[in-house]
Amino acid sequence: MDVIAAIDGSVNTIGYGLAAIGPGIGVALVFAAYIQASARQPESAGYNRTWLVLGFALVEALALFGLVLAFAV
């Protein structure tokens, strides 16, 4: 019987790919909330930008932790 497709390499990379979906959705929600808040009250865009950067950094940290753990295990 011939093997048509085989998974070679580490299964950790598949796990990281699945784990990156969560931070991807989180980044989208953070930026969507910023755009909506800036559209409702444009004068508070500068204040909201601080929270945008903080939220983005925290969500991206989760993706980086997943990447590190994919190589560590």
C-alpha atoms as a PDB file:
ATOM      1  CA  MET A   1       0.000   0.000   0.000  1.00  0.00           C
ATOM      2  CA  ASP A   2       1.369   3.413  -0.963  1.00  0.00           C
ATOM      3  CA  VAL A   3       1.477   6.287   1.470  1.00  0.00           C
ATOM      4  CA  ILE A   4      -0.146   9.309  -0.156  1.00  0.00           C
ATOM      5  CA  ALA A   5       0.498  11.805   2.619  1.00  0.00           C
ATOM      6  CA  ALA A   6       2.637  11.569   5.716  1.00  0.00           C
ATOM      7  CA  ILE A   7       3.325  13.922   8.583  1.00  0.00           C
ATOM      8  CA  ASP A   8       7.052  14.330   9.004  1.00  0.00           C
ATOM      9  CA  GLY A   9       8.731  16.390  11.669  1.00  0.00           C
ATOM     10  CA  SER A  10       7.480  17.522  15.016  1.00  0.00           C
ATOM     11  CA  VAL A  11       3.828  17.527  15.952  1.00  0.00           C
ATOM     12  CA  ASN A  12       4.585  20.572  18.143  1.00  0.00           C
ATOM     13  CA  THR A  13       4.429  22.783  15.072  1.00  0.00           C
ATOM     14  CA  ILE A  14       0.871  21.640  14.397  1.00  0.00           C
ATOM     15  CA  GLY A  15      -0.018  22.390  18.006  1.00  0.00           C
ATOM     16  CA  TYR A  16       1.503  25.853  17.748  1.00  0.00           C
ATOM     17  CA  GLY A  17      -0.421  26.513  14.553  1.00  0.00           C
ATOM     18  CA  LEU A  18      -3.648  25.672  16.345  1.00  0.00           C
ATOM     19  CA  ALA A  19      -2.608  27.690  19.402  1.00  0.00           C
ATOM     20  CA  ALA A  20      -1.920  30.766  17.251  1.00  0.00           C
ATOM     21  CA  ILE A  21      -5.604  30.984  16.312  1.00  0.00           C
ATOM     22  CA  GLY A  22      -6.524  32.349  19.757  1.00  0.00           C
ATOM     23  CA  PRO A  23      -4.080  35.274  19.752  1.00  0.00           C
ATOM     24  CA  GLY A  24      -5.012  36.012  16.143  1.00  0.00           C
ATOM     25  CA  ILE A  25      -8.643  36.415  17.122  1.00  0.00           C
ATOM     26  CA  GLY A  26      -7.601  38.390  20.208  1.00  0.00           C
ATOM     27  CA  VAL A  27      -5.599  40.883  18.133  1.00  0.00           C
ATOM     28  CA  ALA A  28      -8.552  41.312  15.802  1.00  0.00           C
ATOM     29  CA  LEU A  29     -10.872  42.027  18.725  1.00  0.00           C
ATOM     30  CA  VAL A  30      -8.454  44.541  20.270  1.00  0.00           C
ATOM     31  CA  PHE A  31      -8.113  46.514  17.049  1.00  0.00           C
ATOM     32  CA  ALA A  32     -11.850  46.305  16.314  1.00  0.00           C
ATOM     33  CA  ALA A  33     -12.619  47.726  19.746  1.00  0.00           C
ATOM     34  CA  TYR A  34     -10.127  50.570  19.198  1.00  0.00           C
ATOM     35  CA  ILE A  35     -11.597  51.456  15.822  1.00  0.00           C
ATOM     36  CA  GLN A  36     -15.115  51.409  17.216  1.00  0.00           C
ATOM     37  CA  ALA A  37     -14.163  53.542  20.228  1.00  0.00           C
ATOM     38  CA  SER A  38     -12.329  56.056  18.020  1.00  0.00           C
ATOM     39  CA  ALA A  39     -15.261  56.257  15.641  1.00  0.00           C
ATOM     40  CA  ARG A  40     -17.689  56.965  18.493  1.00  0.00           C
ATOM     41  CA  GLN A  41     -15.500  59.564  20.240  1.00  0.00           C
ATOM     42  CA  PRO A  42     -12.651  60.804  18.047  1.00  0.00           C
ATOM     43  CA  GLU A  43     -11.318  63.122  20.760  1.00  0.00           C
ATOM     44  CA  SER A  44     -10.409  60.162  22.967  1.00  0.00           C
ATOM     45  CA  ALA A  45      -8.376  58.360  20.281  1.00  0.00           C
ATOM     46  CA  GLY A  46      -5.056  59.333  21.883  1.00  0.00           C
ATOM     47  CA  TYR A  47      -6.112  57.975  25.281  1.00  0.00           C
ATOM     48  CA  ASN A  48      -7.457  54.779  23.726  1.00  0.00           C
ATOM     49  CA  ARG A  49      -4.258  54.253  21.737  1.00  0.00           C
ATOM     50  CA  THR A  50      -2.415  53.557  24.991  1.00  0.00           C
ATOM     51  CA  TRP A  51      -4.818  50.741  25.795  1.00  0.00           C
ATOM     52  CA  LEU A  52      -4.569  49.503  22.207  1.00  0.00           C
ATOM     53  CA  VAL A  53      -0.809  49.028  22.473  1.00  0.00           C
ATOM     54  CA  LEU A  54      -1.088  47.416  25.914  1.00  0.00           C
ATOM     55  CA  GLY A  55      -3.801  44.992  24.788  1.00  0.00           C
ATOM     56  CA  PHE A  56      -1.903  44.135  21.623  1.00  0.00           C
ATOM     57  CA  ALA A  57       1.298  43.431  23.580  1.00  0.00           C
ATOM     58  CA  LEU A  58      -0.471  41.187  26.079  1.00  0.00           C
ATOM     59  CA  VAL A  59      -2.245  39.169  23.402  1.00  0.00           C
ATOM     60  CA  GLU A  60       0.923  38.796  21.322  1.00  0.00           C
ATOM     61  CA  ALA A  61       2.783  37.596  24.413  1.00  0.00           C
ATOM     62  CA  LEU A  62       0.493  34.567  24.453  1.00  0.00           C
ATOM     63  CA  ALA A  63       1.498  33.718  20.900  1.00  0.00           C
ATOM     64  CA  LEU A  64       5.177  34.097  21.766  1.00  0.00           C
ATOM     65  CA  PHE A  65       4.809  31.835  24.791  1.00  0.00           C
ATOM     66  CA  GLY A  66       3.242  29.220  22.532  1.00  0.00           C
ATOM     67  CA  LEU A  67       6.112  29.530  20.080  1.00  0.00           C
ATOM     68  CA  VAL A  68       8.715  29.109  22.808  1.00  0.00           C
ATOM     69  CA  LEU A  69       6.922  26.097  24.248  1.00  0.00           C
ATOM     70  CA  ALA A  70       6.638  24.504  20.812  1.00  0.00           C
ATOM     71  CA  PHE A  71      10.433  24.472  20.570  1.00  0.00           C
ATOM     72  CA  ALA A  72      11.089  23.708  24.238  1.00  0.00           C
ATOM     73  CA  VAL A  73       9.182  20.447  24.439  1.00  0.00           C
END
